[in-house]
N, C-alpha and C. Protein backbone atom coordinates (compact mmCIF):
# COMPACT_ATOMS: atom_id res chain seq x y z
N MET A 1 -22.67 -49.70 41.89
CA MET A 1 -22.08 -48.29 41.73
C MET A 1 -21.33 -48.18 40.52
N GLN A 2 -22.34 -46.57 40.31
CA GLN A 2 -21.99 -45.45 39.70
C GLN A 2 -21.29 -44.48 39.35
N PHE A 3 -19.85 -44.53 39.06
CA PHE A 3 -19.36 -43.35 39.43
C PHE A 3 -19.34 -42.52 38.29
N LYS A 4 -19.21 -41.18 38.97
CA LYS A 4 -19.46 -39.99 37.87
C LYS A 4 -18.13 -39.71 37.04
N ARG A 5 -17.93 -39.23 36.03
CA ARG A 5 -17.45 -39.18 34.95
C ARG A 5 -16.50 -37.51 35.07
N ARG A 6 -15.76 -37.85 35.62
CA ARG A 6 -14.90 -36.11 35.63
C ARG A 6 -14.60 -35.52 34.79
N LEU A 7 -13.98 -35.91 34.07
CA LEU A 7 -13.27 -35.75 32.77
C LEU A 7 -14.49 -35.49 31.52
N GLN A 8 -14.87 -34.41 31.19
CA GLN A 8 -15.98 -34.11 30.41
C GLN A 8 -15.58 -33.58 28.87
N SER A 9 -15.64 -33.83 27.96
CA SER A 9 -15.17 -33.57 26.62
C SER A 9 -15.68 -31.99 26.47
N ARG A 10 -14.99 -31.11 26.04
CA ARG A 10 -15.78 -30.10 25.77
C ARG A 10 -15.18 -29.34 24.22
N SER A 11 -15.45 -29.48 23.62
CA SER A 11 -15.06 -28.58 22.69
C SER A 11 -15.26 -26.86 22.14
N VAL A 12 -14.53 -26.15 21.96
CA VAL A 12 -14.42 -24.89 21.58
C VAL A 12 -13.62 -24.60 20.66
N VAL A 13 -14.25 -23.82 19.86
CA VAL A 13 -13.22 -23.48 18.82
C VAL A 13 -13.20 -21.75 19.04
N ASP A 14 -11.72 -21.79 19.41
CA ASP A 14 -11.11 -20.46 19.19
C ASP A 14 -11.05 -19.65 18.28
N LEU A 15 -11.97 -18.58 18.22
CA LEU A 15 -12.10 -17.78 16.43
C LEU A 15 -10.98 -16.65 16.72
N VAL A 16 -10.75 -16.21 17.83
CA VAL A 16 -9.35 -14.85 17.58
C VAL A 16 -8.26 -15.15 16.50
N PRO A 17 -7.58 -15.90 17.15
CA PRO A 17 -6.21 -16.02 15.66
C PRO A 17 -7.51 -15.91 14.16
N MET A 18 -8.19 -16.85 13.97
CA MET A 18 -8.47 -16.49 12.75
C MET A 18 -8.98 -15.10 12.32
N ILE A 19 -10.16 -14.36 13.36
CA ILE A 19 -10.39 -12.73 13.22
C ILE A 19 -8.81 -11.69 12.84
N ASP A 20 -7.57 -12.30 13.68
CA ASP A 20 -6.67 -11.62 13.70
C ASP A 20 -5.90 -11.55 11.98
N VAL A 21 -6.26 -13.11 11.48
CA VAL A 21 -5.40 -12.90 10.34
C VAL A 21 -6.70 -12.35 9.29
N VAL A 22 -7.67 -12.64 9.13
CA VAL A 22 -8.68 -11.52 8.76
C VAL A 22 -8.57 -10.44 8.26
N PHE A 23 -8.58 -9.62 9.57
CA PHE A 23 -8.18 -8.79 9.90
C PHE A 23 -7.01 -7.89 8.92
N GLN A 24 -5.79 -9.13 9.33
CA GLN A 24 -4.04 -8.58 8.79
C GLN A 24 -4.51 -8.70 7.45
N LEU A 25 -5.33 -9.65 6.64
CA LEU A 25 -5.74 -9.62 5.06
C LEU A 25 -6.38 -8.49 4.59
N ILE A 26 -6.89 -8.14 5.08
CA ILE A 26 -7.82 -6.92 4.96
C ILE A 26 -7.14 -5.95 4.88
N LEU A 27 -6.42 -5.24 6.08
CA LEU A 27 -5.54 -4.45 5.95
C LEU A 27 -4.57 -4.12 4.99
N PHE A 28 -3.89 -5.67 4.54
CA PHE A 28 -2.94 -5.75 3.52
C PHE A 28 -3.37 -5.45 2.07
N PHE A 29 -4.86 -5.66 2.10
CA PHE A 29 -5.12 -5.69 0.58
C PHE A 29 -5.87 -4.08 0.41
N LEU A 30 -5.93 -3.21 1.56
CA LEU A 30 -6.42 -1.69 1.82
C LEU A 30 -5.35 -0.75 1.17
N VAL A 31 -3.93 -1.53 1.93
CA VAL A 31 -3.13 -0.40 2.22
C VAL A 31 -2.15 -0.78 0.72
N SER A 32 -2.61 -2.21 -0.16
CA SER A 32 -1.29 -2.55 -1.43
C SER A 32 -2.35 -2.13 -2.53
N THR A 33 -3.88 -1.80 -2.05
CA THR A 33 -4.73 -0.98 -3.49
C THR A 33 -4.29 0.49 -4.04
N THR A 34 -4.43 0.39 -5.22
CA THR A 34 -4.22 2.12 -5.74
C THR A 34 -5.77 1.96 -6.07
N PHE A 35 -6.52 3.42 -6.09
CA PHE A 35 -7.78 3.46 -5.69
C PHE A 35 -7.48 4.49 -7.69
N ALA A 36 -8.30 4.69 -8.23
CA ALA A 36 -8.07 5.16 -9.43
C ALA A 36 -9.87 6.14 -9.25
N ILE A 37 -9.37 7.34 -9.45
CA ILE A 37 -10.43 8.21 -9.72
C ILE A 37 -10.95 8.28 -11.37
N LEU A 38 -11.69 7.88 -12.31
CA LEU A 38 -11.54 8.62 -13.57
C LEU A 38 -12.65 7.96 -14.03
N PRO A 39 -13.20 8.79 -14.84
CA PRO A 39 -14.67 9.62 -14.64
C PRO A 39 -14.92 7.96 -16.14
N GLY A 40 -16.78 7.74 -15.71
CA GLY A 40 -17.02 6.30 -16.94
C GLY A 40 -17.20 6.92 -18.24
N ILE A 41 -16.18 7.11 -19.02
CA ILE A 41 -16.39 7.79 -20.65
C ILE A 41 -15.03 6.72 -21.24
N THR A 42 -15.54 6.79 -22.48
CA THR A 42 -14.43 5.80 -23.38
C THR A 42 -14.04 6.57 -24.12
N LEU A 43 -12.23 6.91 -24.55
CA LEU A 43 -11.62 7.29 -24.39
C LEU A 43 -10.92 6.98 -25.96
N GLN A 44 -11.06 7.19 -27.00
CA GLN A 44 -9.88 6.60 -27.88
C GLN A 44 -8.64 7.47 -27.74
N LEU A 45 -7.77 7.05 -27.24
CA LEU A 45 -6.14 7.30 -26.79
C LEU A 45 -5.26 7.20 -27.66
N PRO A 46 -4.58 8.02 -28.11
CA PRO A 46 -3.35 7.67 -29.29
C PRO A 46 -2.44 6.93 -28.36
N ALA A 47 -1.93 6.16 -29.58
CA ALA A 47 -0.70 5.22 -29.37
C ALA A 47 0.39 5.81 -29.21
N SER A 48 1.75 5.38 -28.48
CA SER A 48 3.04 6.27 -28.41
C SER A 48 3.66 4.74 -28.10
N SER A 49 4.76 4.58 -28.97
CA SER A 49 5.65 3.29 -28.76
C SER A 49 6.86 3.82 -27.72
N THR A 50 6.86 4.94 -27.25
CA THR A 50 7.32 5.13 -26.73
C THR A 50 7.32 5.72 -24.79
N ALA A 51 6.02 5.24 -24.88
CA ALA A 51 5.21 6.22 -23.33
C ALA A 51 5.74 5.51 -22.42
N GLU A 52 6.00 5.71 -21.31
CA GLU A 52 5.97 5.36 -19.98
C GLU A 52 5.11 4.99 -18.94
N PRO A 53 5.27 4.32 -18.29
CA PRO A 53 4.32 4.60 -17.22
C PRO A 53 4.07 5.03 -15.93
N THR A 54 3.29 5.88 -15.67
CA THR A 54 2.79 6.61 -14.64
C THR A 54 2.20 6.56 -13.29
N ALA A 55 2.54 7.11 -12.48
CA ALA A 55 1.36 6.61 -11.22
C ALA A 55 0.46 7.53 -11.60
N MET A 56 -0.68 6.80 -10.77
CA MET A 56 -2.20 7.16 -10.82
C MET A 56 -2.02 8.46 -9.99
N THR A 57 -2.84 9.42 -10.54
CA THR A 57 -2.86 10.55 -9.51
C THR A 57 -4.17 10.76 -8.93
N ARG A 58 -4.55 12.14 -7.78
CA ARG A 58 -5.76 11.97 -7.55
C ARG A 58 -6.70 13.18 -8.57
N LEU A 59 -5.69 13.70 -9.47
CA LEU A 59 -6.32 14.66 -10.24
C LEU A 59 -6.17 13.87 -11.35
N THR A 60 -7.58 14.08 -12.70
CA THR A 60 -7.53 13.70 -14.02
C THR A 60 -8.66 14.38 -14.87
N VAL A 61 -7.83 14.85 -15.67
CA VAL A 61 -8.71 15.57 -16.91
C VAL A 61 -8.83 15.04 -17.81
N ALA A 62 -9.98 15.01 -18.28
CA ALA A 62 -10.12 14.00 -19.38
C ALA A 62 -11.01 14.65 -20.83
N VAL A 63 -10.11 14.62 -21.91
CA VAL A 63 -11.36 15.52 -22.84
C VAL A 63 -11.79 15.13 -23.73
N ILE A 64 -13.00 14.68 -24.28
CA ILE A 64 -13.55 14.65 -25.29
C ILE A 64 -13.72 15.48 -26.80
N ASN A 65 -14.32 16.73 -26.33
CA ASN A 65 -14.68 17.23 -27.14
C ASN A 65 -14.54 19.13 -26.83
N ARG A 66 -14.76 20.20 -27.22
CA ARG A 66 -14.77 21.05 -26.59
C ARG A 66 -15.84 21.79 -25.15
N ASP A 67 -17.15 20.37 -25.48
CA ASP A 67 -17.79 20.93 -24.83
C ASP A 67 -18.09 19.67 -23.72
N GLU A 68 -17.37 18.63 -23.92
CA GLU A 68 -17.27 17.32 -23.06
C GLU A 68 -15.57 17.82 -22.03
N ILE A 69 -15.81 17.77 -21.13
CA ILE A 69 -14.12 18.37 -20.49
C ILE A 69 -14.99 17.30 -18.94
N TYR A 70 -13.90 16.63 -18.60
CA TYR A 70 -14.35 16.48 -17.46
C TYR A 70 -13.20 16.21 -15.81
N LEU A 71 -13.79 16.93 -14.97
CA LEU A 71 -12.60 17.04 -14.04
C LEU A 71 -13.20 15.89 -12.97
N ASN A 72 -12.19 15.02 -12.88
CA ASN A 72 -12.23 13.56 -12.32
C ASN A 72 -13.46 13.10 -12.89
N LYS A 73 -15.06 13.07 -11.84
CA LYS A 73 -15.67 12.46 -12.23
C LYS A 73 -16.72 13.82 -12.95
N ASP A 74 -16.36 14.97 -12.38
CA ASP A 74 -17.27 15.79 -12.85
C ASP A 74 -17.60 16.51 -14.49
N ARG A 75 -18.41 16.29 -14.96
CA ARG A 75 -18.32 17.38 -16.32
C ARG A 75 -18.19 18.76 -16.21
N VAL A 76 -17.13 19.43 -16.90
CA VAL A 76 -17.14 21.05 -16.53
C VAL A 76 -16.54 21.45 -18.15
N THR A 77 -17.03 22.67 -18.23
CA THR A 77 -16.05 22.95 -19.27
C THR A 77 -14.91 24.14 -19.08
N LEU A 78 -14.11 24.13 -20.16
CA LEU A 78 -13.06 24.72 -19.81
C LEU A 78 -13.02 26.08 -19.39
N LYS A 79 -13.94 27.04 -18.84
CA LYS A 79 -14.07 27.67 -17.99
C LYS A 79 -14.17 27.67 -16.64
N GLU A 80 -15.06 26.85 -16.18
CA GLU A 80 -15.37 26.13 -14.90
C GLU A 80 -14.08 25.44 -14.66
N LEU A 81 -13.66 24.49 -15.21
CA LEU A 81 -12.02 23.68 -15.54
C LEU A 81 -11.32 25.02 -14.93
N GLU A 82 -10.79 25.80 -14.93
CA GLU A 82 -10.18 27.21 -14.27
C GLU A 82 -10.27 27.10 -13.53
N GLU A 83 -11.76 27.80 -13.32
CA GLU A 83 -12.65 28.09 -11.74
C GLU A 83 -12.44 27.29 -11.01
N ARG A 84 -12.72 25.85 -11.21
CA ARG A 84 -12.29 24.91 -9.84
C ARG A 84 -10.61 24.53 -9.54
N LEU A 85 -9.96 25.17 -10.84
CA LEU A 85 -8.25 24.67 -10.34
C LEU A 85 -7.92 25.95 -9.94
N THR A 86 -7.86 27.29 -9.90
CA THR A 86 -7.91 28.45 -9.07
C THR A 86 -8.48 28.03 -7.62
N ARG A 87 -9.41 27.56 -7.66
CA ARG A 87 -9.55 27.54 -5.99
C ARG A 87 -9.55 26.88 -4.70
N LEU A 88 -8.87 25.86 -5.57
CA LEU A 88 -7.56 25.27 -4.83
C LEU A 88 -6.48 25.83 -4.08
N SER A 89 -6.88 25.05 -2.58
CA SER A 89 -5.72 26.16 -1.71
C SER A 89 -4.46 25.47 -2.34
N ALA A 90 -3.27 25.92 -1.92
CA ALA A 90 -1.68 26.15 -2.08
C ALA A 90 -1.15 24.98 -1.01
N ALA A 91 -1.46 24.39 -0.05
CA ALA A 91 -1.78 23.22 0.46
C ALA A 91 -2.54 21.47 -0.64
N GLU A 92 -3.24 21.88 -0.93
CA GLU A 92 -3.75 20.91 -1.99
C GLU A 92 -3.19 20.63 -3.09
N ARG A 93 -2.79 22.06 -3.67
CA ARG A 93 -1.96 21.91 -4.58
C ARG A 93 -0.52 21.58 -4.24
N ALA A 94 0.24 21.40 -3.45
CA ALA A 94 1.69 20.35 -2.95
C ALA A 94 1.33 19.29 -2.69
N GLU A 95 -0.14 19.03 -2.21
CA GLU A 95 0.02 17.79 -2.10
C GLU A 95 -0.24 16.73 -3.50
N ILE A 96 -1.08 17.44 -4.33
CA ILE A 96 -1.56 17.14 -5.96
C ILE A 96 -0.33 16.90 -6.30
N LYS A 97 0.51 16.04 -6.63
CA LYS A 97 1.90 16.14 -7.16
C LYS A 97 1.98 16.42 -9.25
N SER A 98 1.32 15.57 -9.30
CA SER A 98 1.12 15.67 -10.98
C SER A 98 -0.45 15.72 -11.66
N VAL A 99 -0.64 16.20 -12.25
CA VAL A 99 -2.09 16.03 -13.29
C VAL A 99 -2.28 14.85 -14.07
N THR A 100 -3.04 13.83 -14.12
CA THR A 100 -3.39 13.12 -15.40
C THR A 100 -3.85 14.02 -16.72
N LEU A 101 -3.56 13.98 -18.21
CA LEU A 101 -4.39 14.46 -18.86
C LEU A 101 -4.69 13.42 -19.72
N GLU A 102 -5.88 13.12 -20.13
CA GLU A 102 -6.38 12.42 -21.12
C GLU A 102 -7.01 12.86 -22.09
N ALA A 103 -6.65 12.68 -23.36
CA ALA A 103 -7.57 13.49 -24.20
C ALA A 103 -8.11 12.61 -25.39
N ASP A 104 -9.15 12.90 -26.45
CA ASP A 104 -9.62 11.40 -27.31
C ASP A 104 -8.40 12.01 -28.65
N ARG A 105 -8.16 11.01 -29.30
CA ARG A 105 -7.30 11.22 -30.54
C ARG A 105 -8.07 12.10 -31.21
N SER A 106 -9.23 12.56 -31.10
CA SER A 106 -9.95 13.25 -32.49
C SER A 106 -9.84 14.61 -32.30
N ILE A 107 -9.59 14.86 -31.13
CA ILE A 107 -9.87 16.17 -30.91
C ILE A 107 -8.65 16.91 -31.39
N SER A 108 -8.79 18.57 -31.46
CA SER A 108 -7.43 19.05 -31.93
C SER A 108 -6.46 19.18 -31.21
N TYR A 109 -5.50 19.55 -31.63
CA TYR A 109 -4.06 19.94 -31.05
C TYR A 109 -4.32 21.53 -30.09
N GLY A 110 -4.90 22.64 -30.92
CA GLY A 110 -5.12 23.91 -29.85
C GLY A 110 -6.25 23.33 -28.32
N LEU A 111 -7.18 22.53 -28.88
CA LEU A 111 -7.72 22.33 -27.47
C LEU A 111 -6.95 21.61 -26.79
N THR A 112 -5.87 20.62 -26.70
CA THR A 112 -4.96 19.96 -25.92
C THR A 112 -4.51 21.10 -25.27
N ILE A 113 -3.82 21.94 -26.41
CA ILE A 113 -2.66 23.00 -25.65
C ILE A 113 -3.51 24.15 -24.72
N SER A 114 -4.93 24.53 -24.98
CA SER A 114 -5.61 25.14 -24.46
C SER A 114 -5.80 24.72 -22.92
N VAL A 115 -6.44 23.55 -22.58
CA VAL A 115 -6.47 22.52 -21.60
C VAL A 115 -4.76 22.32 -20.59
N LEU A 116 -3.67 22.28 -21.38
CA LEU A 116 -2.46 22.00 -20.44
C LEU A 116 -2.58 23.76 -20.22
N ASP A 117 -2.73 25.11 -20.95
CA ASP A 117 -2.31 26.09 -20.07
C ASP A 117 -3.12 26.75 -19.16
N VAL A 118 -4.93 25.85 -19.01
CA VAL A 118 -5.47 26.29 -18.13
C VAL A 118 -4.74 24.88 -16.79
N LEU A 119 -3.95 24.15 -16.88
CA LEU A 119 -3.45 23.44 -15.96
C LEU A 119 -1.86 23.97 -15.56
N ARG A 120 -1.62 24.85 -16.28
CA ARG A 120 -0.10 25.81 -15.94
C ARG A 120 -0.79 26.73 -15.20
N LYS A 121 -1.52 27.55 -15.98
CA LYS A 121 -1.64 28.88 -14.86
C LYS A 121 -2.55 28.60 -13.60
N SER A 122 -3.11 27.39 -13.71
CA SER A 122 -3.81 26.75 -12.10
C SER A 122 -2.08 26.61 -11.31
N GLY A 123 -1.09 26.59 -11.70
CA GLY A 123 0.53 26.18 -10.58
C GLY A 123 0.64 24.63 -11.01
N PHE A 124 0.25 23.72 -11.76
CA PHE A 124 0.41 22.54 -12.06
C PHE A 124 1.39 22.37 -13.05
N ARG A 125 2.75 21.46 -12.61
CA ARG A 125 4.16 21.93 -13.35
C ARG A 125 4.18 20.15 -14.06
N GLY A 126 3.79 19.24 -13.02
CA GLY A 126 3.45 17.77 -13.50
C GLY A 126 2.50 17.67 -14.39
N ILE A 127 2.41 17.39 -15.45
CA ILE A 127 1.29 16.66 -16.16
C ILE A 127 1.68 15.44 -17.09
N ASN A 128 0.81 14.95 -16.94
CA ASN A 128 1.37 13.12 -17.34
C ASN A 128 -0.06 12.89 -18.51
N LEU A 129 0.61 13.47 -19.53
CA LEU A 129 -0.35 12.93 -20.85
C LEU A 129 -0.75 11.07 -20.92
N HIS A 130 -1.78 10.50 -20.64
CA HIS A 130 -1.91 9.55 -20.84
C HIS A 130 -2.16 9.09 -22.21
N THR A 131 -1.80 7.93 -23.12
CA THR A 131 -1.62 7.55 -24.07
C THR A 131 -1.81 5.60 -23.78
N LEU A 132 -2.19 5.09 -25.15
CA LEU A 132 -1.86 3.74 -24.87
C LEU A 132 -0.22 3.08 -25.73
N GLU A 133 -0.55 2.18 -24.72
CA GLU A 133 1.44 1.68 -25.57
C GLU A 133 0.79 0.67 -26.82
N GLN A 134 2.02 0.70 -27.90
CA GLN A 134 1.93 -0.24 -28.72
C GLN A 134 2.29 -1.54 -28.68
C-alpha cells in the first residue's frame, strides 16, 4: 500500500521586502544628491586662500571672454544675458536665492563688473564668485 504524502515542499521567495528596500535606497539617493547645472567648458578659475564653500545654485553664469558667456548650459551674449534675466518672473527670482558667477582668470576686471552689473540690474543680490581653493 502506497501512501500519498501530504506535505509537499514549496520553495517560494518573497520579493516584496527586497523591492521595498531597493525602492527606499533609490529614494534616499535621489533626495540626498545635489544636481549641478554647469556648462561643459573649461575655465581657469582664480585661486583664493580665503575662499568659503557655497551651496550650488540653479543659476550659473560662466564667463570665458566677451563673446563667450554661458547662462547655465546656454551660450549667450552680454545683451542676451540681460534680456533673459529680466524675463524671469518675480516668483522665479524669489526662488533663486543666489547666482554663481564663474569667470576665467584671464578676462578683464571690467568684463566681470559688467556681468555683475547685469545680474544686479536683474534683481539678484546674492552673487557667489566661484574660485579655487589653495
